[in-house]
């Protein structure tokens, strides 16, 4: 099966459970995390980027966007999702 990927960005003040909350939500929607990178900045900001495969997702892209936005609000974090096709078009020469 061919991959359909999205980029997910999570930004906010560091706290416990950020990775667990986001990855649990993705798991519940049958979305596979392909790559993950996270770091704590010197001023206490948590920044995480994920590449996720939504080819077998149980929800639409719009539902994913809304669900991640709600997950972020509960944690006082900003979560954005962008389809890889949009990302590729934006960075095309």
PDB file of N, CA and C in Angstrom:
ATOM      1  N   UNK A   1       0.838  -1.178   0.000  1.00  0.00           N
ATOM      2  CA  UNK A   1       0.000   0.000   0.000  1.00  0.00           C
ATOM      3  C   UNK A   1       0.888   1.248   0.000  1.00  0.00           C
ATOM      4  N   UNK A   2       0.484   2.236  -0.766  1.00  0.00           N
ATOM      5  CA  UNK A   2       1.233   3.473  -0.868  1.00  0.00           C
ATOM      6  C   UNK A   2       0.967   4.388   0.319  1.00  0.00           C
ATOM      7  N   UNK A   3       1.999   5.089   0.749  1.00  0.00           N
ATOM      8  CA  UNK A   3       1.868   6.012   1.871  1.00  0.00           C
ATOM      9  C   UNK A   3       1.182   7.307   1.454  1.00  0.00           C
ATOM     10  N   UNK A   4       0.458   7.886   2.391  1.00  0.00           N
ATOM     11  CA  UNK A   4      -0.095   9.234   2.267  1.00  0.00           C
ATOM     12  C   UNK A   4       0.305   9.932   3.561  1.00  0.00           C
ATOM     13  N   UNK A   5       1.200  10.897   3.442  1.00  0.00           N
ATOM     14  CA  UNK A   5       1.826  11.431   4.635  1.00  0.00           C
ATOM     15  C   UNK A   5       1.402  12.863   4.962  1.00  0.00           C
ATOM     16  N   UNK A   6       1.441  13.169   6.260  1.00  0.00           N
ATOM     17  CA  UNK A   6       1.185  14.525   6.749  1.00  0.00           C
ATOM     18  C   UNK A   6       2.309  14.913   7.696  1.00  0.00           C
ATOM     19  N   UNK A   7       2.559  16.206   7.778  1.00  0.00           N
ATOM     20  CA  UNK A   7       3.501  16.758   8.742  1.00  0.00           C
ATOM     21  C   UNK A   7       2.687  17.345   9.888  1.00  0.00           C
ATOM     22  N   UNK A   8       3.060  17.004  11.106  1.00  0.00           N
ATOM     23  CA  UNK A   8       2.380  17.502  12.296  1.00  0.00           C
ATOM     24  C   UNK A   8       3.410  18.262  13.125  1.00  0.00           C
ATOM     25  N   UNK A   9       3.043  19.477  13.532  1.00  0.00           N
ATOM     26  CA  UNK A   9       3.910  20.303  14.351  1.00  0.00           C
ATOM     27  C   UNK A   9       3.197  20.628  15.653  1.00  0.00           C
ATOM     28  N   UNK A  10       3.899  20.463  16.768  1.00  0.00           N
ATOM     29  CA  UNK A  10       3.351  20.741  18.105  1.00  0.00           C
ATOM     30  C   UNK A  10       4.278  21.735  18.791  1.00  0.00           C
ATOM     31  N   UNK A  11       3.717  22.853  19.266  1.00  0.00           N
ATOM     32  CA  UNK A  11       4.523  23.889  19.919  1.00  0.00           C
ATOM     33  C   UNK A  11       3.789  24.396  21.155  1.00  0.00           C
ATOM     34  N   UNK A  12       4.534  24.581  22.235  1.00  0.00           N
ATOM     35  CA  UNK A  12       3.975  25.149  23.458  1.00  0.00           C
ATOM     36  C   UNK A  12       4.931  24.962  24.612  1.00  0.00           C
ATOM     37  N   UNK A  13       4.516  25.391  25.778  1.00  0.00           N
ATOM     38  CA  UNK A  13       5.355  25.227  26.963  1.00  0.00           C
ATOM     39  C   UNK A  13       5.443  23.734  27.314  1.00  0.00           C
ATOM     40  N   UNK A  14       6.633  23.326  27.708  1.00  0.00           N
ATOM     41  CA  UNK A  14       6.862  21.925  28.030  1.00  0.00           C
ATOM     42  C   UNK A  14       6.024  21.489  29.232  1.00  0.00           C
ATOM     43  N   UNK A  15       5.523  20.282  29.163  1.00  0.00           N
ATOM     44  CA  UNK A  15       4.774  19.668  30.257  1.00  0.00           C
ATOM     45  C   UNK A  15       4.776  18.163  30.037  1.00  0.00           C
ATOM     46  N   UNK A  16       4.368  17.426  31.021  1.00  0.00           N
ATOM     47  CA  UNK A  16       4.295  15.964  30.910  1.00  0.00           C
ATOM     48  C   UNK A  16       3.147  15.557  29.991  1.00  0.00           C
ATOM     49  N   UNK A  17       3.356  14.473  29.255  1.00  0.00           N
ATOM     50  CA  UNK A  17       2.276  13.842  28.506  1.00  0.00           C
ATOM     51  C   UNK A  17       2.018  14.347  27.100  1.00  0.00           C
ATOM     52  N   UNK A  18       2.843  15.247  26.588  1.00  0.00           N
ATOM     53  CA  UNK A  18       2.587  15.791  25.243  1.00  0.00           C
ATOM     54  C   UNK A  18       2.693  14.700  24.184  1.00  0.00           C
ATOM     55  N   UNK A  19       3.821  14.002  24.172  1.00  0.00           N
ATOM     56  CA  UNK A  19       4.030  12.941  23.173  1.00  0.00           C
ATOM     57  C   UNK A  19       2.965  11.864  23.326  1.00  0.00           C
ATOM     58  N   UNK A  20       2.676  11.490  24.552  1.00  0.00           N
ATOM     59  CA  UNK A  20       1.675  10.451  24.814  1.00  0.00           C
ATOM     60  C   UNK A  20       0.298  10.867  24.307  1.00  0.00           C
ATOM     61  N   UNK A  21      -0.092  12.105  24.543  1.00  0.00           N
ATOM     62  CA  UNK A  21      -1.420  12.571  24.114  1.00  0.00           C
ATOM     63  C   UNK A  21      -1.559  12.582  22.600  1.00  0.00           C
ATOM     64  N   UNK A  22      -0.562  13.132  21.922  1.00  0.00           N
ATOM     65  CA  UNK A  22      -0.630  13.226  20.458  1.00  0.00           C
ATOM     66  C   UNK A  22      -0.532  11.841  19.832  1.00  0.00           C
ATOM     67  N   UNK A  23       0.415  11.035  20.279  1.00  0.00           N
ATOM     68  CA  UNK A  23       0.580   9.706  19.675  1.00  0.00           C
ATOM     69  C   UNK A  23      -0.625   8.812  19.976  1.00  0.00           C
ATOM     70  N   UNK A  24      -1.229   8.937  21.154  1.00  0.00           N
ATOM     71  CA  UNK A  24      -2.431   8.153  21.468  1.00  0.00           C
ATOM     72  C   UNK A  24      -3.584   8.533  20.548  1.00  0.00           C
ATOM     73  N   UNK A  25      -3.758   9.839  20.312  1.00  0.00           N
ATOM     74  CA  UNK A  25      -4.815  10.282  19.404  1.00  0.00           C
ATOM     75  C   UNK A  25      -4.594   9.691  18.009  1.00  0.00           C
ATOM     76  N   UNK A  26      -3.368   9.756  17.513  1.00  0.00           N
ATOM     77  CA  UNK A  26      -3.079   9.218  16.183  1.00  0.00           C
ATOM     78  C   UNK A  26      -3.333   7.709  16.140  1.00  0.00           C
ATOM     79  N   UNK A  27      -2.911   7.001  17.170  1.00  0.00           N
ATOM     80  CA  UNK A  27      -3.129   5.555  17.246  1.00  0.00           C
ATOM     81  C   UNK A  27      -4.631   5.228  17.184  1.00  0.00           C
ATOM     82  N   UNK A  28      -5.434   5.984  17.921  1.00  0.00           N
ATOM     83  CA  UNK A  28      -6.884   5.751  17.947  1.00  0.00           C
ATOM     84  C   UNK A  28      -7.523   5.956  16.577  1.00  0.00           C
ATOM     85  N   UNK A  29      -6.885   6.750  15.716  1.00  0.00           N
ATOM     86  CA  UNK A  29      -7.414   7.021  14.376  1.00  0.00           C
ATOM     87  C   UNK A  29      -6.767   6.127  13.310  1.00  0.00           C
ATOM     88  N   UNK A  30      -5.990   5.138  13.744  1.00  0.00           N
ATOM     89  CA  UNK A  30      -5.308   4.205  12.840  1.00  0.00           C
ATOM     90  C   UNK A  30      -4.277   4.919  11.952  1.00  0.00           C
ATOM     91  N   UNK A  31      -3.562   5.853  12.562  1.00  0.00           N
ATOM     92  CA  UNK A  31      -2.539   6.632  11.865  1.00  0.00           C
ATOM     93  C   UNK A  31      -1.174   6.217  12.407  1.00  0.00           C
ATOM     94  N   UNK A  32      -0.245   5.932  11.496  1.00  0.00           N
ATOM     95  CA  UNK A  32       1.083   5.470  11.865  1.00  0.00           C
ATOM     96  C   UNK A  32       2.086   6.619  11.889  1.00  0.00           C
ATOM     97  N   UNK A  33       2.848   6.731  12.960  1.00  0.00           N
ATOM     98  CA  UNK A  33       3.923   7.719  13.043  1.00  0.00           C
ATOM     99  C   UNK A  33       5.143   7.136  12.346  1.00  0.00           C
ATOM    100  N   UNK A  34       5.608   7.831  11.312  1.00  0.00           N
ATOM    101  CA  UNK A  34       6.743   7.380  10.521  1.00  0.00           C
ATOM    102  C   UNK A  34       8.048   7.929  11.084  1.00  0.00           C
ATOM    103  N   UNK A  35       8.021   9.186  11.524  1.00  0.00           N
ATOM    104  CA  UNK A  35       9.211   9.821  12.071  1.00  0.00           C
ATOM    105  C   UNK A  35       8.776  10.848  13.112  1.00  0.00           C
ATOM    106  N   UNK A  36       9.601  11.048  14.119  1.00  0.00           N
ATOM    107  CA  UNK A  36       9.292  12.007  15.173  1.00  0.00           C
ATOM    108  C   UNK A  36      10.581  12.668  15.634  1.00  0.00           C
ATOM    109  N   UNK A  37      10.492  13.966  15.890  1.00  0.00           N
ATOM    110  CA  UNK A  37      11.627  14.729  16.386  1.00  0.00           C
ATOM    111  C   UNK A  37      11.086  15.722  17.409  1.00  0.00           C
ATOM    112  N   UNK A  38      11.740  15.803  18.555  1.00  0.00           N
ATOM    113  CA  UNK A  38      11.273  16.729  19.583  1.00  0.00           C
ATOM    114  C   UNK A  38      12.446  17.368  20.283  1.00  0.00           C
ATOM    115  N   UNK A  39      12.197  18.536  20.848  1.00  0.00           N
ATOM    116  CA  UNK A  39      13.240  19.186  21.626  1.00  0.00           C
ATOM    117  C   UNK A  39      12.632  20.227  22.541  1.00  0.00           C
ATOM    118  N   UNK A  40      13.328  20.509  23.621  1.00  0.00           N
ATOM    119  CA  UNK A  40      12.952  21.557  24.554  1.00  0.00           C
ATOM    120  C   UNK A  40      13.898  22.728  24.299  1.00  0.00           C
ATOM    121  N   UNK A  41      13.347  23.873  23.990  1.00  0.00           N
ATOM    122  CA  UNK A  41      14.157  25.059  23.744  1.00  0.00           C
ATOM    123  C   UNK A  41      14.600  25.643  25.091  1.00  0.00           C
ATOM    124  N   UNK A  42      15.587  26.520  25.076  1.00  0.00           N
ATOM    125  CA  UNK A  42      16.142  27.064  26.313  1.00  0.00           C
ATOM    126  C   UNK A  42      15.126  27.846  27.136  1.00  0.00           C
ATOM    127  N   UNK A  43      14.112  28.388  26.509  1.00  0.00           N
ATOM    128  CA  UNK A  43      13.112  29.162  27.248  1.00  0.00           C
ATOM    129  C   UNK A  43      11.928  28.306  27.702  1.00  0.00           C
ATOM    130  N   UNK A  44      12.064  26.975  27.626  1.00  0.00           N
ATOM    131  CA  UNK A  44      11.025  26.081  28.122  1.00  0.00           C
ATOM    132  C   UNK A  44       9.976  25.684  27.100  1.00  0.00           C
ATOM    133  N   UNK A  45      10.125  26.113  25.852  1.00  0.00           N
ATOM    134  CA  UNK A  45       9.176  25.729  24.817  1.00  0.00           C
ATOM    135  C   UNK A  45       9.484  24.334  24.297  1.00  0.00           C
ATOM    136  N   UNK A  46       8.435  23.555  24.151  1.00  0.00           N
ATOM    137  CA  UNK A  46       8.511  22.210  23.589  1.00  0.00           C
ATOM    138  C   UNK A  46       8.163  22.327  22.109  1.00  0.00           C
ATOM    139  N   UNK A  47       8.976  21.717  21.256  1.00  0.00           N
ATOM    140  CA  UNK A  47       8.724  21.708  19.818  1.00  0.00           C
ATOM    141  C   UNK A  47       8.842  20.267  19.330  1.00  0.00           C
ATOM    142  N   UNK A  48       7.797  19.788  18.654  1.00  0.00           N
ATOM    143  CA  UNK A  48       7.820  18.430  18.124  1.00  0.00           C
ATOM    144  C   UNK A  48       7.319  18.447  16.687  1.00  0.00           C
ATOM    145  N   UNK A  49       8.010  17.719  15.836  1.00  0.00           N
ATOM    146  CA  UNK A  49       7.544  17.510  14.471  1.00  0.00           C
ATOM    147  C   UNK A  49       7.378  16.014  14.259  1.00  0.00           C
ATOM    148  N   UNK A  50       6.331  15.670  13.536  1.00  0.00           N
ATOM    149  CA  UNK A  50       6.046  14.271  13.232  1.00  0.00           C
ATOM    150  C   UNK A  50       5.738  14.137  11.746  1.00  0.00           C
ATOM    151  N   UNK A  51       6.132  13.036  11.185  1.00  0.00           N
ATOM    152  CA  UNK A  51       5.695  12.635   9.863  1.00  0.00           C
ATOM    153  C   UNK A  51       4.816  11.416  10.093  1.00  0.00           C
ATOM    154  N   UNK A  52       3.580  11.469   9.640  1.00  0.00           N
ATOM    155  CA  UNK A  52       2.636  10.389   9.898  1.00  0.00           C
ATOM    156  C   UNK A  52       1.991   9.916   8.596  1.00  0.00           C
ATOM    157  N   UNK A  53       1.739   8.635   8.529  1.00  0.00           N
ATOM    158  CA  UNK A  53       1.099   8.012   7.370  1.00  0.00           C
ATOM    159  C   UNK A  53      -0.398   7.885   7.653  1.00  0.00           C
ATOM    160  N   UNK A  54      -1.215   8.558   6.840  1.00  0.00           N
ATOM    161  CA  UNK A  54      -2.671   8.550   7.031  1.00  0.00           C
ATOM    162  C   UNK A  54      -3.390   7.673   6.010  1.00  0.00           C
ATOM    163  N   UNK A  55      -2.645   6.862   5.259  1.00  0.00           N
ATOM    164  CA  UNK A  55      -3.248   6.042   4.193  1.00  0.00           C
ATOM    165  C   UNK A  55      -4.357   5.130   4.709  1.00  0.00           C
ATOM    166  N   UNK A  56      -4.220   4.645   5.938  1.00  0.00           N
ATOM    167  CA  UNK A  56      -5.224   3.738   6.495  1.00  0.00           C
ATOM    168  C   UNK A  56      -6.047   4.389   7.612  1.00  0.00           C
ATOM    169  N   UNK A  57      -6.017   5.717   7.655  1.00  0.00           N
ATOM    170  CA  UNK A  57      -6.725   6.448   8.716  1.00  0.00           C
ATOM    171  C   UNK A  57      -8.225   6.193   8.658  1.00  0.00           C
ATOM    172  N   UNK A  58      -8.825   6.204   9.839  1.00  0.00           N
ATOM    173  CA  UNK A  58     -10.270   6.009   9.961  1.00  0.00           C
ATOM    174  C   UNK A  58     -11.045   7.324   9.863  1.00  0.00           C
ATOM    175  N   UNK A  59     -10.340   8.436   9.646  1.00  0.00           N
ATOM    176  CA  UNK A  59     -10.973   9.756   9.586  1.00  0.00           C
ATOM    177  C   UNK A  59     -10.449  10.532   8.386  1.00  0.00           C
ATOM    178  N   UNK A  60     -11.159  11.608   8.029  1.00  0.00           N
ATOM    179  CA  UNK A  60     -10.753  12.462   6.909  1.00  0.00           C
ATOM    180  C   UNK A  60      -9.661  13.434   7.362  1.00  0.00           C
ATOM    181  N   UNK A  61      -9.048  14.109   6.419  1.00  0.00           N
ATOM    182  CA  UNK A  61      -8.030  15.109   6.718  1.00  0.00           C
ATOM    183  C   UNK A  61      -8.629  16.240   7.571  1.00  0.00           C
ATOM    184  N   UNK A  62      -9.826  16.647   7.257  1.00  0.00           N
ATOM    185  CA  UNK A  62     -10.488  17.707   8.031  1.00  0.00           C
ATOM    186  C   UNK A  62     -10.742  17.261   9.472  1.00  0.00           C
ATOM    187  N   UNK A  63     -11.194  16.034   9.636  1.00  0.00           N
ATOM    188  CA  UNK A  63     -11.417  15.509  10.987  1.00  0.00           C
ATOM    189  C   UNK A  63     -10.097  15.393  11.754  1.00  0.00           C
ATOM    190  N   UNK A  64      -9.034  15.006  11.057  1.00  0.00           N
ATOM    191  CA  UNK A  64      -7.717  14.936  11.682  1.00  0.00           C
ATOM    192  C   UNK A  64      -7.288  16.315  12.158  1.00  0.00           C
ATOM    193  N   UNK A  65      -7.433  17.304  11.300  1.00  0.00           N
ATOM    194  CA  UNK A  65      -7.088  18.684  11.657  1.00  0.00           C
ATOM    195  C   UNK A  65      -7.859  19.121  12.897  1.00  0.00           C
ATOM    196  N   UNK A  66      -9.160  18.915  12.891  1.00  0.00           N
ATOM    197  CA  UNK A  66     -10.000  19.325  14.014  1.00  0.00           C
ATOM    198  C   UNK A  66      -9.648  18.563  15.294  1.00  0.00           C
ATOM    199  N   UNK A  67      -9.416  17.267  15.175  1.00  0.00           N
ATOM    200  CA  UNK A  67      -9.082  16.451  16.334  1.00  0.00           C
ATOM    201  C   UNK A  67      -7.757  16.847  16.959  1.00  0.00           C
ATOM    202  N   UNK A  68      -6.753  17.120  16.117  1.00  0.00           N
ATOM    203  CA  UNK A  68      -5.462  17.545  16.646  1.00  0.00           C
ATOM    204  C   UNK A  68      -5.547  18.939  17.256  1.00  0.00           C
ATOM    205  N   UNK A  69      -6.342  19.799  16.648  1.00  0.00           N
ATOM    206  CA  UNK A  69      -6.541  21.141  17.204  1.00  0.00           C
ATOM    207  C   UNK A  69      -7.153  21.055  18.609  1.00  0.00           C
ATOM    208  N   UNK A  70      -8.155  20.189  18.760  1.00  0.00           N
ATOM    209  CA  UNK A  70      -8.794  19.993  20.067  1.00  0.00           C
ATOM    210  C   UNK A  70      -7.818  19.380  21.078  1.00  0.00           C
ATOM    211  N   UNK A  71      -7.032  18.415  20.630  1.00  0.00           N
ATOM    212  CA  UNK A  71      -6.021  17.814  21.493  1.00  0.00           C
ATOM    213  C   UNK A  71      -5.052  18.885  21.982  1.00  0.00           C
ATOM    214  N   UNK A  72      -4.642  19.761  21.083  1.00  0.00           N
ATOM    215  CA  UNK A  72      -3.744  20.853  21.439  1.00  0.00           C
ATOM    216  C   UNK A  72      -4.365  21.818  22.433  1.00  0.00           C
ATOM    217  N   UNK A  73      -5.620  22.167  22.228  1.00  0.00           N
ATOM    218  CA  UNK A  73      -6.303  23.087  23.141  1.00  0.00           C
ATOM    219  C   UNK A  73      -6.356  22.523  24.553  1.00  0.00           C
ATOM    220  N   UNK A  74      -6.617  21.227  24.676  1.00  0.00           N
ATOM    221  CA  UNK A  74      -6.674  20.605  26.003  1.00  0.00           C
ATOM    222  C   UNK A  74      -5.332  20.683  26.725  1.00  0.00           C
ATOM    223  N   UNK A  75      -4.237  20.729  25.952  1.00  0.00           N
ATOM    224  CA  UNK A  75      -2.900  20.781  26.546  1.00  0.00           C
ATOM    225  C   UNK A  75      -2.306  22.185  26.531  1.00  0.00           C
ATOM    226  N   UNK A  76      -3.081  23.151  26.036  1.00  0.00           N
ATOM    227  CA  UNK A  76      -2.597  24.523  25.876  1.00  0.00           C
ATOM    228  C   UNK A  76      -1.391  24.569  24.930  1.00  0.00           C
ATOM    229  N   UNK A  77      -1.490  23.812  23.829  1.00  0.00           N
ATOM    230  CA  UNK A  77      -0.439  23.716  22.818  1.00  0.00           C
ATOM    231  C   UNK A  77      -1.045  24.078  21.462  1.00  0.00           C
ATOM    232  N   UNK A  78      -0.198  24.455  20.534  1.00  0.00           N
ATOM    233  CA  UNK A  78      -0.612  24.710  19.161  1.00  0.00           C
ATOM    234  C   UNK A  78      -0.187  23.505  18.325  1.00  0.00           C
ATOM    235  N   UNK A  79      -1.167  22.846  17.686  1.00  0.00           N
ATOM    236  CA  UNK A  79      -0.869  21.700  16.831  1.00  0.00           C
ATOM    237  C   UNK A  79      -1.370  22.001  15.427  1.00  0.00           C
ATOM    238  N   UNK A  80      -0.473  21.867  14.467  1.00  0.00           N
ATOM    239  CA  UNK A  80      -0.825  22.086  13.065  1.00  0.00           C
ATOM    240  C   UNK A  80      -0.541  20.817  12.275  1.00  0.00           C
ATOM    241  N   UNK A  81      -1.343  20.600  11.238  1.00  0.00           N
ATOM    242  CA  UNK A  81      -1.141  19.444  10.364  1.00  0.00           C
ATOM    243  C   UNK A  81      -1.186  19.933   8.924  1.00  0.00           C
ATOM    244  N   UNK A  82      -0.263  19.405   8.122  1.00  0.00           N
ATOM    245  CA  UNK A  82      -0.175  19.812   6.720  1.00  0.00           C
ATOM    246  C   UNK A  82       0.099  18.575   5.864  1.00  0.00           C
ATOM    247  N   UNK A  83      -0.691  18.400   4.830  1.00  0.00           N
ATOM    248  CA  UNK A  83      -0.503  17.269   3.925  1.00  0.00           C
ATOM    249  C   UNK A  83       0.814  17.427   3.176  1.00  0.00           C
ATOM    250  N   UNK A  84       1.506  16.331   2.941  1.00  0.00           N
ATOM    251  CA  UNK A  84       2.812  16.389   2.288  1.00  0.00           C
ATOM    252  C   UNK A  84       2.738  17.017   0.894  1.00  0.00           C
ATOM    253  N   UNK A  85       1.628  16.865   0.183  1.00  0.00           N
ATOM    254  CA  UNK A  85       1.508  17.457  -1.150  1.00  0.00           C
ATOM    255  C   UNK A  85       1.579  18.978  -1.089  1.00  0.00           C
ATOM    256  N   UNK A  86       0.959  19.560  -0.079  1.00  0.00           N
ATOM    257  CA  UNK A  86       1.011  21.017   0.093  1.00  0.00           C
ATOM    258  C   UNK A  86       2.432  21.430   0.454  1.00  0.00           C
ATOM    259  N   UNK A  87       3.047  20.674   1.346  1.00  0.00           N
ATOM    260  CA  UNK A  87       4.416  20.964   1.748  1.00  0.00           C
ATOM    261  C   UNK A  87       5.350  20.917   0.536  1.00  0.00           C
ATOM    262  N   UNK A  88       5.212  19.894  -0.292  1.00  0.00           N
ATOM    263  CA  UNK A  88       6.068  19.759  -1.471  1.00  0.00           C
ATOM    264  C   UNK A  88       5.863  20.916  -2.441  1.00  0.00           C
ATOM    265  N   UNK A  89       4.621  21.329  -2.642  1.00  0.00           N
ATOM    266  CA  UNK A  89       4.334  22.443  -3.565  1.00  0.00           C
ATOM    267  C   UNK A  89       4.907  23.747  -3.037  1.00  0.00           C
ATOM    268  N   UNK A  90       4.872  23.958  -1.730  1.00  0.00           N
ATOM    269  CA  UNK A  90       5.396  25.184  -1.146  1.00  0.00           C
ATOM    270  C   UNK A  90       6.917  25.259  -1.271  1.00  0.00           C
ATOM    271  N   UNK A  91       7.592  24.122  -1.284  1.00  0.00           N
ATOM    272  CA  UNK A  91       9.036  24.088  -1.294  1.00  0.00           C
ATOM    273  C   UNK A  91       9.622  23.672  -2.643  1.00  0.00           C
ATOM    274  N   UNK A  92       8.803  23.761  -3.649  1.00  0.00           N
ATOM    275  CA  UNK A  92       9.219  23.411  -4.989  1.00  0.00           C
ATOM    276  C   UNK A  92       9.972  24.576  -5.630  1.00  0.00           C
ATOM    277  N   UNK A  93      11.006  24.276  -6.354  1.00  0.00           N
ATOM    278  CA  UNK A  93      11.800  25.330  -6.999  1.00  0.00           C
ATOM    279  C   UNK A  93      11.216  25.663  -8.337  1.00  0.00           C
TER     280      UNK A  93
END
